[in-house]
Amino acid sequence: MTTDLLSNLVSLALGSLCVAFIALYVFAWLASHRERRKRISIDAEPEEVIFLFDDETIVNATPAARRLLETATATGSDWSRFLCVLLPRFPDLRSEMFELAERGEMLLEARDGKAALKCEWRQGLARLALLDRSAATDRVEFDRHALTAMEQELDTLREIGLHLPSLVWRETPEGTICWANAAYLSLADETVCEEETASWPPATLFDTALLGGAAEGEARRLSVPSPDGTLRWFEVHRFEIGGDHLFAASSVDRTVRAEEALREFTQTLTKTFAHLTIGLAIFDRDRRLALFNPALTDLTSLPPDFLIARPTLIAFLDRLRDRRMMPEPKDYKSWREAMAALETAAQDGTYEELWSLPGGVTYRVSGRPHPDGAIAFLFEDISAEMSLTRRFRAQIETGQAALDSLKEAIAVFSNEGTLVFSNLSYTTLWGLEKTEGLADTSITEATRLWHSKCAPSPMWGDIRDFVGRMGERNEWTGATRLWDGRRLTCRFVPLPSGQTLVGFSPEARTTPLRPPLGPQAESRFLEI
């Protein structure tokens, strides 16, 4: 028992000594590291611009250097902010610094030749001193008020760059981004993976080489992939500035989506209109052909390449006239006036005409207004319809002529009691004009006329009831006398669709026509 206790005490003592030794070693290393940093001093005047970097962290810097670093727009490490400030003047700074540890010392010249950057490697730290070569010879004395105005203007420009929603950035001729505003940096940060940290220069979002053929200030559309896989579209402008390129990009996502929706809608309309037999031609507000369907080429015989070239309305009508696909005008001046009237009528939605073309072809052409000042013209081939109409008209005229040849006065009334048609004998019997016999006349008005020219009879009331009766009806006849004494035989025949035929056959006149007598004098001629 005593031996085990002694062994545990020895082990505990040895462990404590090891821990103490490690702690002393760590403290000694930290102290030596701090001492090493103290020994590597900047050794410069406050107005000199000197930085001391340990990897990407500033170990020490002069007051002037810290003020310079405050002008950086970049975020992230000290090294990113340092590059943001000096990279525009030293384009090769980022690549050259990779060799500093190996070379030990280097001197980088600014692009404008007015400054240099002296880089030294000291005990694992980078000492960077910005040398102003024009300080001794080109020193300019600024007025205090002028300097204040310049500082205010600089603050204004910084605020504009910070709050401007458009993306603005500057690239060197080698394609390195040397300045960017807050909107660009924000979008660039969204493209950085979660494992990465924002650094300088920021990520290149646009392939600006695609703007090589664009004129200065000309807008080109470029896209940026978003984290969810969709594309963001921007209109990018390029400008030359101090040997570099300045770019400005504005979001056009809404415009692109609207154009895509319009394109899909147009494709849908095109597919729909492709199956129509009516020719369609839509002219935009500038009176250029914006949309047409295949039926238009079939009806007008216009070549597709001519229509695809988006001709104007006047050129379109000129080509129709040349191909004799529209009525031939008497003279060109009147034709121009007619075309101007056509456009005006189409804008009001009142244009509709029948074009009778050679070969018995007939088109119905109508114009309709569309939103945003557009006009749509519809071309419909109604040759078969017109031929059928002419045939029906000829048949009707033949039937009317056949009825007019009959001696019996015939009138046909609809199921609603309206006169549908009558023949010549009917208008002659009742003393009507031909046009008056075709006018809309009710059965009540007709029986009133018949009663006025005949002896009193209850038959006229029965006729009115017969014409307006629904259901099954049977043919029947009746008789009365005209005021001239002649016997008038009447027949009433039900027709399909509820119509009724009324026929009047007056007795042939055997004695000379005498003046009509009054009702009392003529009562002796009535049939008992």
Protein backbone atom coordinates (compact mmCIF):
# COMPACT_ATOMS: atom_id res chain seq x y z
CA MET A 1 0.00 0.00 0.00
CA THR A 2 2.84 2.35 0.86
CA THR A 3 4.63 1.50 -2.39
CA ASP A 4 1.55 2.34 -4.52
CA LEU A 5 1.07 5.66 -2.77
CA LEU A 6 4.67 6.57 -3.32
CA SER A 7 4.43 5.64 -7.01
CA ASN A 8 1.36 7.87 -7.50
CA LEU A 9 3.06 10.81 -5.84
CA VAL A 10 6.07 10.45 -8.11
CA SER A 11 3.84 10.31 -11.22
CA LEU A 12 1.94 13.38 -10.11
CA ALA A 13 5.14 15.30 -9.51
CA LEU A 14 6.54 14.38 -12.91
CA GLY A 15 3.29 15.45 -14.65
CA SER A 16 3.28 18.77 -12.84
CA LEU A 17 6.87 19.40 -13.89
CA CYS A 18 6.01 18.66 -17.55
CA VAL A 19 3.04 21.02 -17.53
CA ALA A 20 5.08 23.75 -15.92
CA PHE A 21 7.86 23.25 -18.46
CA ILE A 22 5.42 23.52 -21.42
CA ALA A 23 3.80 26.65 -19.97
CA LEU A 24 7.19 28.27 -19.47
CA TYR A 25 8.14 27.39 -23.05
CA VAL A 26 4.98 28.95 -24.46
CA PHE A 27 5.39 32.09 -22.41
CA ALA A 28 9.00 32.38 -23.49
CA TRP A 29 8.06 31.96 -27.18
CA LEU A 30 5.35 34.61 -26.94
CA ALA A 31 7.71 36.96 -25.19
CA SER A 32 10.41 36.41 -27.77
CA HIS A 33 7.88 36.92 -30.58
CA ARG A 34 6.74 40.20 -29.06
CA GLU A 35 10.31 41.20 -28.55
CA ARG A 36 11.09 40.34 -32.18
CA ARG A 37 8.24 42.59 -33.34
CA LYS A 38 9.46 45.38 -31.11
CA ARG A 39 12.95 45.08 -32.53
CA ILE A 40 11.54 45.38 -36.10
CA SER A 41 10.34 48.95 -35.83
CA ILE A 42 9.09 51.03 -38.69
CA ASP A 43 11.76 53.60 -37.99
CA ALA A 44 10.08 56.40 -40.00
CA GLU A 45 8.59 59.84 -39.69
CA PRO A 46 4.80 60.09 -39.02
CA GLU A 47 4.16 61.57 -42.47
CA GLU A 48 5.87 58.69 -44.24
CA VAL A 49 3.59 55.91 -45.56
CA ILE A 50 5.01 52.63 -44.26
CA PHE A 51 3.22 49.36 -43.44
CA LEU A 52 4.46 46.31 -41.55
CA PHE A 53 2.54 43.11 -42.42
CA ASP A 54 2.51 39.70 -40.79
CA ASP A 55 0.84 37.64 -43.51
CA GLU A 56 -2.43 39.59 -44.13
CA THR A 57 -2.49 41.43 -40.80
CA ILE A 58 -0.92 44.83 -40.15
CA VAL A 59 1.56 44.65 -37.29
CA ASN A 60 2.46 48.31 -37.38
CA ALA A 61 1.95 51.36 -39.59
CA THR A 62 2.67 55.04 -39.58
CA PRO A 63 -0.21 57.49 -38.96
CA ALA A 64 -0.10 58.57 -42.61
CA ALA A 65 -0.32 54.93 -43.69
CA ARG A 66 -3.34 54.31 -41.47
CA ARG A 67 -5.07 57.40 -42.87
CA LEU A 68 -4.42 56.11 -46.37
CA LEU A 69 -5.89 52.74 -45.47
CA GLU A 70 -9.10 54.39 -44.25
CA THR A 71 -9.90 55.44 -47.84
CA ALA A 72 -10.27 51.80 -48.93
CA THR A 73 -13.74 50.71 -50.04
CA ALA A 74 -12.96 47.01 -49.69
CA THR A 75 -13.84 44.92 -46.67
CA GLY A 76 -12.09 41.90 -45.25
CA SER A 77 -8.49 41.60 -44.17
CA ASP A 78 -5.94 44.41 -43.85
CA TRP A 79 -4.18 43.08 -46.93
CA SER A 80 -7.41 43.33 -49.01
CA ARG A 81 -7.87 46.95 -47.98
CA PHE A 82 -4.20 47.65 -48.76
CA LEU A 83 -4.57 46.18 -52.26
CA CYS A 84 -7.77 48.16 -52.80
CA VAL A 85 -5.84 51.41 -52.24
CA LEU A 86 -2.58 50.68 -54.06
CA LEU A 87 -3.51 48.21 -56.79
CA PRO A 88 -4.70 50.96 -59.20
CA ARG A 89 -1.22 52.50 -59.13
CA PHE A 90 0.72 49.21 -58.90
CA PRO A 91 -1.13 46.65 -61.10
CA ASP A 92 1.55 43.92 -60.50
CA LEU A 93 1.63 44.33 -56.73
CA ARG A 94 -0.42 41.24 -55.94
CA SER A 95 1.62 38.88 -58.10
CA GLU A 96 5.01 40.37 -57.17
CA MET A 97 4.41 39.99 -53.45
CA PHE A 98 4.43 36.19 -53.77
CA GLU A 99 8.20 36.40 -54.47
CA LEU A 100 9.11 38.84 -51.68
CA ALA A 101 10.15 36.17 -49.18
CA GLU A 102 12.42 34.57 -51.74
CA ARG A 103 13.91 37.78 -53.12
CA GLY A 104 14.12 39.61 -49.80
CA GLU A 105 13.78 43.08 -51.30
CA MET A 106 12.16 44.68 -54.38
CA LEU A 107 11.16 48.07 -55.71
CA LEU A 108 7.92 48.48 -57.67
CA GLU A 109 7.38 51.52 -59.85
CA ALA A 110 3.93 53.12 -60.14
CA ARG A 111 2.25 53.29 -63.53
CA ASP A 112 2.42 57.06 -63.63
CA GLY A 113 6.07 57.08 -62.54
CA LYS A 114 5.34 59.47 -59.67
CA ALA A 115 5.64 56.91 -56.87
CA ALA A 116 7.41 53.68 -55.93
CA LEU A 117 6.78 50.93 -53.39
CA LYS A 118 9.81 49.62 -51.54
CA CYS A 119 9.18 46.09 -50.26
CA GLU A 120 11.47 44.36 -47.71
CA TRP A 121 11.32 40.97 -45.99
CA ARG A 122 12.44 41.25 -42.36
CA GLN A 123 12.34 38.26 -40.01
CA GLY A 124 9.11 36.90 -41.50
CA LEU A 125 7.43 40.29 -41.76
CA ALA A 126 6.86 42.44 -44.85
CA ARG A 127 7.82 46.09 -44.63
CA LEU A 128 6.20 48.17 -47.38
CA ALA A 129 7.15 51.82 -47.84
CA LEU A 130 5.37 54.11 -50.31
CA LEU A 131 7.87 56.57 -51.80
CA ASP A 132 6.66 59.80 -53.42
CA ARG A 133 9.09 60.60 -56.25
CA SER A 134 7.44 63.92 -57.10
CA ALA A 135 7.57 65.24 -53.53
CA ALA A 136 10.93 66.98 -53.98
CA THR A 137 10.34 68.59 -57.37
CA ASP A 138 6.59 68.80 -57.98
CA ARG A 139 5.31 69.82 -54.61
CA VAL A 140 2.16 71.94 -54.97
CA GLU A 141 0.92 74.24 -52.29
CA PHE A 142 -2.88 74.01 -51.92
CA ASP A 143 -5.09 76.75 -50.64
CA ARG A 144 -6.83 75.67 -47.43
CA HIS A 145 -10.29 76.48 -48.80
CA ALA A 146 -9.58 74.73 -52.08
CA LEU A 147 -8.40 71.67 -50.16
CA THR A 148 -11.57 71.71 -48.05
CA ALA A 149 -13.69 71.89 -51.20
CA MET A 150 -11.80 68.97 -52.69
CA GLU A 151 -12.29 66.90 -49.56
CA GLN A 152 -16.03 67.66 -49.58
CA GLU A 153 -16.27 66.67 -53.22
CA LEU A 154 -14.37 63.47 -52.45
CA ASP A 155 -16.79 62.68 -49.62
CA THR A 156 -19.71 63.27 -52.00
CA LEU A 157 -18.24 60.93 -54.60
CA ARG A 158 -17.65 58.28 -51.95
CA GLU A 159 -21.27 58.52 -50.79
CA ILE A 160 -22.46 58.26 -54.40
CA GLY A 161 -20.35 55.16 -54.92
CA LEU A 162 -21.67 53.72 -51.66
CA HIS A 163 -25.38 54.26 -52.35
CA LEU A 164 -25.51 53.99 -56.14
CA PRO A 165 -27.67 50.92 -56.98
CA SER A 166 -25.88 50.36 -60.28
CA LEU A 167 -22.66 48.35 -60.38
CA VAL A 168 -19.58 50.47 -61.14
CA TRP A 169 -16.02 49.19 -61.29
CA ARG A 170 -12.67 49.99 -62.85
CA GLU A 171 -10.31 47.56 -64.55
CA THR A 172 -6.69 47.86 -65.60
CA PRO A 173 -5.72 46.99 -69.19
CA GLU A 174 -4.74 43.54 -67.89
CA GLY A 175 -8.32 42.99 -66.67
CA THR A 176 -7.61 43.39 -62.93
CA ILE A 177 -10.32 45.15 -60.95
CA CYS A 178 -8.69 48.07 -59.16
CA TRP A 179 -11.82 49.83 -57.85
CA ALA A 180 -15.46 48.92 -57.32
CA ASN A 181 -18.41 50.51 -55.60
CA ALA A 182 -20.47 48.99 -52.80
CA ALA A 183 -23.12 47.52 -55.13
CA TYR A 184 -20.50 45.58 -57.07
CA LEU A 185 -18.77 44.35 -53.91
CA SER A 186 -22.11 43.24 -52.46
CA LEU A 187 -22.93 41.19 -55.55
CA ALA A 188 -19.39 39.80 -55.64
CA ASP A 189 -19.69 38.68 -52.00
CA GLU A 190 -22.81 36.70 -52.90
CA THR A 191 -20.79 34.66 -55.39
CA VAL A 192 -18.09 33.77 -52.80
CA CYS A 193 -18.43 30.31 -51.28
CA GLU A 194 -19.19 30.06 -47.59
CA GLU A 195 -15.75 28.54 -46.96
CA GLU A 196 -14.02 31.52 -48.56
CA THR A 197 -13.62 35.04 -47.27
CA ALA A 198 -13.91 38.22 -49.27
CA SER A 199 -10.56 39.40 -50.62
CA TRP A 200 -9.16 41.99 -52.97
CA PRO A 201 -9.43 42.27 -55.90
CA PRO A 202 -13.06 41.14 -55.83
CA ALA A 203 -14.41 38.36 -57.97
CA THR A 204 -14.79 39.12 -61.67
CA LEU A 205 -18.52 38.96 -62.37
CA PHE A 206 -18.67 39.85 -66.06
CA ASP A 207 -16.76 38.67 -69.09
CA THR A 208 -15.88 42.18 -70.23
CA ALA A 209 -14.02 40.77 -73.24
CA LEU A 210 -17.47 40.48 -74.85
CA LEU A 211 -17.56 44.28 -74.94
CA GLY A 212 -14.48 44.46 -77.15
CA GLY A 213 -16.45 45.38 -80.28
CA ALA A 214 -18.77 47.83 -78.56
CA ALA A 215 -18.34 51.56 -78.99
CA GLU A 216 -17.64 53.69 -75.94
CA GLY A 217 -20.82 54.11 -73.94
CA GLU A 218 -22.68 51.48 -75.99
CA ALA A 219 -24.74 49.13 -73.84
CA ARG A 220 -24.36 45.36 -74.09
CA ARG A 221 -26.28 42.76 -72.12
CA LEU A 222 -24.24 40.42 -69.95
CA SER A 223 -25.39 37.85 -67.43
CA VAL A 224 -24.18 36.82 -63.99
CA PRO A 225 -25.05 33.40 -62.53
CA SER A 226 -26.73 33.61 -59.13
CA PRO A 227 -26.30 31.03 -56.32
CA ASP A 228 -29.64 29.39 -57.16
CA GLY A 229 -28.55 28.72 -60.73
CA THR A 230 -30.59 31.44 -62.43
CA LEU A 231 -29.07 34.25 -64.46
CA ARG A 232 -29.09 37.92 -63.58
CA TRP A 233 -29.01 40.22 -66.58
CA PHE A 234 -27.34 43.61 -66.74
CA GLU A 235 -26.81 46.29 -69.37
CA VAL A 236 -23.10 47.09 -69.22
CA HIS A 237 -21.51 50.33 -70.50
CA ARG A 238 -17.77 50.76 -70.98
CA PHE A 239 -15.76 54.01 -70.87
CA GLU A 240 -12.07 54.82 -71.24
CA ILE A 241 -10.60 56.60 -68.22
CA GLY A 242 -6.92 57.25 -67.59
CA GLY A 243 -5.76 54.20 -69.56
CA ASP A 244 -8.16 51.96 -67.64
CA HIS A 245 -11.69 50.88 -68.39
CA LEU A 246 -14.64 52.10 -66.33
CA PHE A 247 -17.73 49.90 -66.41
CA ALA A 248 -21.28 50.62 -65.28
CA ALA A 249 -23.95 47.91 -65.14
CA SER A 250 -27.68 48.33 -64.51
CA SER A 251 -30.02 45.44 -63.77
CA VAL A 252 -32.46 44.60 -66.58
CA ASP A 253 -33.94 41.46 -65.03
CA ARG A 254 -37.48 42.82 -65.26
CA THR A 255 -36.98 43.81 -68.88
CA VAL A 256 -35.56 40.40 -69.75
CA ARG A 257 -38.42 38.62 -67.99
CA ALA A 258 -40.94 40.83 -69.78
CA GLU A 259 -39.26 40.13 -73.12
CA GLU A 260 -39.25 36.40 -72.42
CA ALA A 261 -42.94 36.51 -71.47
CA LEU A 262 -43.68 38.52 -74.61
CA ARG A 263 -41.64 36.10 -76.71
CA GLU A 264 -43.48 33.10 -75.26
CA PHE A 265 -46.81 34.86 -75.74
CA THR A 266 -45.91 35.70 -79.33
CA GLN A 267 -44.87 32.09 -79.98
CA THR A 268 -48.16 30.91 -78.51
CA LEU A 269 -50.08 33.34 -80.69
CA THR A 270 -48.04 32.32 -83.71
CA LYS A 271 -48.80 28.63 -83.12
CA THR A 272 -52.46 29.48 -82.62
CA PHE A 273 -52.67 31.72 -85.67
CA ALA A 274 -50.80 29.14 -87.77
CA HIS A 275 -53.96 26.99 -87.85
CA LEU A 276 -56.30 29.83 -88.78
CA THR A 277 -57.63 30.06 -92.31
CA ILE A 278 -58.01 33.83 -91.93
CA GLY A 279 -54.95 35.86 -92.91
CA LEU A 280 -53.63 38.03 -90.08
CA ALA A 281 -51.28 41.01 -90.38
CA ILE A 282 -50.48 43.12 -87.30
CA PHE A 283 -48.66 46.43 -87.78
CA ASP A 284 -47.02 48.15 -84.80
CA ARG A 285 -47.32 51.81 -83.89
CA ASP A 286 -44.63 52.64 -86.48
CA ARG A 287 -46.78 50.86 -89.09
CA ARG A 288 -44.31 48.04 -89.62
CA LEU A 289 -45.44 44.44 -89.92
CA ALA A 290 -44.92 42.87 -86.50
CA LEU A 291 -46.78 39.57 -86.80
CA PHE A 292 -48.37 37.49 -89.55
CA ASN A 293 -49.56 33.94 -89.99
CA PRO A 294 -49.05 31.42 -92.84
CA ALA A 295 -52.61 31.94 -94.11
CA LEU A 296 -51.64 35.52 -95.07
CA THR A 297 -49.05 34.25 -97.55
CA ASP A 298 -51.56 31.79 -99.01
CA LEU A 299 -54.27 34.43 -99.46
CA THR A 300 -52.11 37.33 -100.69
CA SER A 301 -49.40 35.37 -102.59
CA LEU A 302 -46.79 37.60 -100.92
CA PRO A 303 -43.40 35.88 -100.47
CA PRO A 304 -42.46 35.02 -96.86
CA ASP A 305 -39.07 36.76 -97.13
CA PHE A 306 -40.85 40.03 -97.94
CA LEU A 307 -43.11 39.66 -94.88
CA ILE A 308 -40.23 38.60 -92.60
CA ALA A 309 -38.41 41.84 -93.57
CA ARG A 310 -41.18 43.74 -91.69
CA PRO A 311 -42.41 46.02 -94.49
CA THR A 312 -44.34 49.19 -93.75
CA LEU A 313 -48.10 49.31 -94.21
CA ILE A 314 -47.78 51.37 -97.40
CA ALA A 315 -45.17 48.97 -98.83
CA PHE A 316 -47.43 46.05 -97.92
CA LEU A 317 -50.41 47.59 -99.71
CA ASP A 318 -48.23 48.60 -102.67
CA ARG A 319 -47.16 44.98 -103.09
CA LEU A 320 -50.78 43.82 -102.88
CA ARG A 321 -51.68 46.34 -105.59
CA ASP A 322 -48.81 45.17 -107.79
CA ARG A 323 -49.99 41.57 -107.49
CA ARG A 324 -53.61 42.58 -108.19
CA MET A 325 -54.65 41.29 -104.77
CA MET A 326 -56.77 44.36 -104.05
CA PRO A 327 -59.37 46.28 -106.06
CA GLU A 328 -57.78 48.27 -108.88
CA PRO A 329 -58.12 52.03 -108.21
CA LYS A 330 -59.02 54.54 -110.86
CA ASP A 331 -55.83 56.53 -110.31
CA TYR A 332 -52.83 56.46 -107.99
CA LYS A 333 -53.77 59.66 -106.14
CA SER A 334 -57.20 58.41 -105.24
CA TRP A 335 -55.63 55.12 -104.20
CA ARG A 336 -53.28 56.91 -101.80
CA GLU A 337 -56.18 58.82 -100.34
CA ALA A 338 -58.10 55.59 -99.94
CA MET A 339 -55.16 53.99 -98.14
CA ALA A 340 -54.90 56.93 -95.74
CA ALA A 341 -58.63 56.62 -95.07
CA LEU A 342 -58.15 52.87 -94.58
CA GLU A 343 -55.50 53.43 -91.89
CA THR A 344 -57.66 56.01 -90.12
CA ALA A 345 -60.70 53.75 -90.21
CA ALA A 346 -58.67 50.80 -88.91
CA GLN A 347 -57.49 52.91 -85.98
CA ASP A 348 -61.13 53.57 -85.13
CA GLY A 349 -62.07 49.93 -85.65
CA THR A 350 -64.60 50.78 -88.37
CA TYR A 351 -62.83 49.52 -91.50
CA GLU A 352 -64.49 46.58 -93.23
CA GLU A 353 -64.74 46.09 -96.97
CA LEU A 354 -65.31 43.39 -99.55
CA TRP A 355 -62.54 43.14 -102.12
CA SER A 356 -63.78 41.62 -105.38
CA LEU A 357 -60.72 40.29 -107.20
CA PRO A 358 -60.23 38.78 -110.65
CA GLY A 359 -61.25 35.16 -111.02
CA GLY A 360 -64.37 35.42 -108.91
CA VAL A 361 -62.39 35.68 -105.62
CA THR A 362 -63.85 37.81 -102.85
CA TYR A 363 -62.03 38.81 -99.64
CA ARG A 364 -63.53 40.38 -96.56
CA VAL A 365 -60.88 42.77 -95.19
CA SER A 366 -61.36 44.33 -91.77
CA GLY A 367 -59.14 46.55 -89.63
CA ARG A 368 -59.09 46.54 -85.85
CA PRO A 369 -57.13 48.75 -83.42
CA HIS A 370 -54.75 47.12 -80.95
CA PRO A 371 -53.06 48.44 -77.79
CA ASP A 372 -50.12 50.82 -78.08
CA GLY A 373 -51.26 52.16 -81.44
CA ALA A 374 -50.99 48.88 -83.36
CA ILE A 375 -53.40 47.87 -86.13
CA ALA A 376 -54.52 44.37 -87.11
CA PHE A 377 -55.86 43.51 -90.56
CA LEU A 378 -57.85 40.33 -91.18
CA PHE A 379 -58.11 38.81 -94.66
CA GLU A 380 -60.90 36.26 -95.05
CA ASP A 381 -61.67 34.39 -98.26
CA ILE A 382 -65.48 34.45 -98.55
CA SER A 383 -65.66 33.42 -102.21
CA ALA A 384 -67.65 30.25 -101.38
CA GLU A 385 -69.93 32.21 -99.07
CA MET A 386 -70.52 34.86 -101.70
CA SER A 387 -71.16 32.20 -104.34
CA LEU A 388 -73.66 30.51 -102.03
CA THR A 389 -75.29 33.87 -101.28
CA ARG A 390 -75.61 34.62 -104.97
CA ARG A 391 -77.10 31.19 -105.54
CA PHE A 392 -79.60 31.69 -102.73
CA ARG A 393 -80.45 35.13 -104.03
CA ALA A 394 -81.01 33.71 -107.49
CA GLN A 395 -83.24 31.00 -106.06
CA ILE A 396 -85.19 33.56 -104.04
CA GLU A 397 -85.59 35.77 -107.06
CA THR A 398 -86.74 32.76 -109.11
CA GLY A 399 -89.22 31.76 -106.42
CA GLN A 400 -90.48 35.32 -106.15
CA ALA A 401 -90.93 35.50 -109.91
CA ALA A 402 -92.84 32.21 -109.83
CA LEU A 403 -95.13 33.51 -107.09
CA ASP A 404 -95.64 36.76 -108.94
CA SER A 405 -96.82 34.80 -111.98
CA LEU A 406 -99.68 33.25 -109.98
CA LYS A 407 -103.11 34.82 -110.16
CA GLU A 408 -103.85 33.90 -106.52
CA ALA A 409 -102.82 36.64 -104.05
CA ILE A 410 -100.48 34.95 -101.58
CA ALA A 411 -99.01 36.22 -98.29
CA VAL A 412 -96.92 34.24 -95.78
CA PHE A 413 -96.82 35.14 -92.09
CA SER A 414 -94.26 33.95 -89.52
CA ASN A 415 -95.19 32.20 -86.29
CA GLU A 416 -94.92 35.62 -84.63
CA GLY A 417 -97.55 37.03 -86.97
CA THR A 418 -95.25 39.12 -89.18
CA LEU A 419 -95.54 39.26 -92.97
CA VAL A 420 -92.60 37.32 -94.47
CA PHE A 421 -93.26 37.80 -98.18
CA SER A 422 -96.08 38.30 -100.67
CA ASN A 423 -96.52 38.15 -104.42
CA LEU A 424 -97.49 40.72 -107.03
CA SER A 425 -101.15 39.63 -107.07
CA TYR A 426 -101.36 40.33 -103.33
CA THR A 427 -100.08 43.92 -103.63
CA THR A 428 -102.36 44.50 -106.64
CA LEU A 429 -105.45 43.07 -104.90
CA TRP A 430 -105.08 45.20 -101.82
CA GLY A 431 -103.79 48.31 -103.55
CA LEU A 432 -100.27 48.27 -102.06
CA GLU A 433 -96.97 49.45 -103.43
CA LYS A 434 -94.46 46.69 -104.07
CA THR A 435 -92.05 47.96 -101.41
CA GLU A 436 -94.94 48.39 -99.00
CA GLY A 437 -95.86 44.75 -99.39
CA LEU A 438 -92.32 43.73 -98.33
CA ALA A 439 -92.33 45.95 -95.26
CA ASP A 440 -92.75 44.44 -91.79
CA THR A 441 -96.51 44.10 -91.39
CA SER A 442 -98.27 42.32 -88.54
CA ILE A 443 -101.28 40.09 -88.98
CA THR A 444 -103.34 42.67 -87.09
CA GLU A 445 -102.43 45.41 -89.55
CA ALA A 446 -103.04 43.07 -92.49
CA THR A 447 -106.53 42.00 -91.30
CA ARG A 448 -107.38 45.64 -90.67
CA LEU A 449 -106.50 46.37 -94.32
CA TRP A 450 -108.47 43.37 -95.57
CA HIS A 451 -111.50 44.31 -93.47
CA SER A 452 -111.45 47.88 -94.83
CA LYS A 453 -111.72 46.59 -98.41
CA CYS A 454 -114.26 43.80 -97.75
CA ALA A 455 -117.69 43.44 -96.31
CA PRO A 456 -117.84 42.86 -92.54
CA SER A 457 -117.07 39.26 -91.57
CA PRO A 458 -116.01 37.40 -88.37
CA MET A 459 -113.46 35.54 -90.47
CA TRP A 460 -110.71 38.15 -89.88
CA GLY A 461 -110.67 37.49 -86.14
CA ASP A 462 -110.47 33.74 -86.80
CA ILE A 463 -107.50 34.38 -89.08
CA ARG A 464 -105.64 36.26 -86.36
CA ASP A 465 -106.25 33.41 -83.92
CA PHE A 466 -105.18 30.84 -86.51
CA VAL A 467 -101.89 32.59 -87.28
CA GLY A 468 -100.94 32.94 -83.61
CA ARG A 469 -102.09 29.46 -82.56
CA MET A 470 -99.45 26.99 -81.32
CA GLY A 471 -99.60 23.24 -81.88
CA GLU A 472 -101.32 21.26 -84.59
CA ARG A 473 -103.40 23.22 -87.14
CA ASN A 474 -105.51 22.20 -90.14
CA GLU A 475 -106.03 23.94 -93.44
CA TRP A 476 -109.36 25.70 -93.83
CA THR A 477 -111.10 28.05 -96.26
CA GLY A 478 -113.53 30.92 -96.11
CA ALA A 479 -115.26 33.44 -98.37
CA THR A 480 -116.32 37.06 -98.30
CA ARG A 481 -117.05 39.82 -100.78
CA LEU A 482 -115.09 42.82 -101.87
CA TRP A 483 -116.79 46.20 -101.88
CA ASP A 484 -117.00 46.00 -105.65
CA GLY A 485 -119.31 43.01 -105.25
CA ARG A 486 -116.92 40.25 -106.28
CA ARG A 487 -116.72 37.07 -104.29
CA LEU A 488 -113.35 36.56 -102.52
CA THR A 489 -112.33 33.00 -101.71
CA CYS A 490 -109.74 32.70 -98.92
CA ARG A 491 -107.64 29.73 -97.89
CA PHE A 492 -105.40 29.39 -94.85
CA VAL A 493 -102.64 26.76 -94.91
CA PRO A 494 -100.29 25.95 -91.97
CA LEU A 495 -96.61 25.76 -93.02
CA PRO A 496 -93.52 24.30 -91.28
CA SER A 497 -91.92 26.26 -88.44
CA GLY A 498 -95.28 27.72 -87.45
CA GLN A 499 -95.68 29.87 -90.54
CA THR A 500 -99.03 30.43 -92.24
CA LEU A 501 -99.93 30.89 -95.93
CA VAL A 502 -102.95 33.05 -96.75
CA GLY A 503 -104.32 32.88 -100.30
CA PHE A 504 -106.95 35.14 -101.86
CA SER A 505 -108.73 34.26 -105.11
CA PRO A 506 -111.11 37.03 -106.22
CA GLU A 507 -113.96 36.23 -108.58
CA ALA A 508 -113.37 37.26 -112.15
CA ARG A 509 -114.97 40.58 -113.03
CA THR A 510 -117.89 40.14 -115.53
CA THR A 511 -119.29 43.68 -115.49
CA PRO A 512 -117.54 47.02 -115.87
CA LEU A 513 -115.96 48.24 -112.69
CA ARG A 514 -118.27 50.66 -110.88
CA PRO A 515 -117.52 52.96 -108.00
CA PRO A 516 -117.55 51.19 -104.66
CA LEU A 517 -120.74 51.49 -102.61
CA GLY A 518 -121.06 52.02 -98.93
CA PRO A 519 -121.43 49.15 -96.49
CA GLN A 520 -125.27 49.44 -96.31
CA ALA A 521 -125.67 49.50 -100.09
CA GLU A 522 -123.38 46.53 -100.51
CA SER A 523 -125.01 44.40 -97.81
CA ARG A 524 -127.33 42.81 -100.39
CA PHE A 525 -124.28 41.26 -102.07
CA LEU A 526 -123.23 39.40 -98.95
CA GLU A 527 -123.41 35.68 -98.97
CA ILE A 528 -126.08 34.33 -96.56
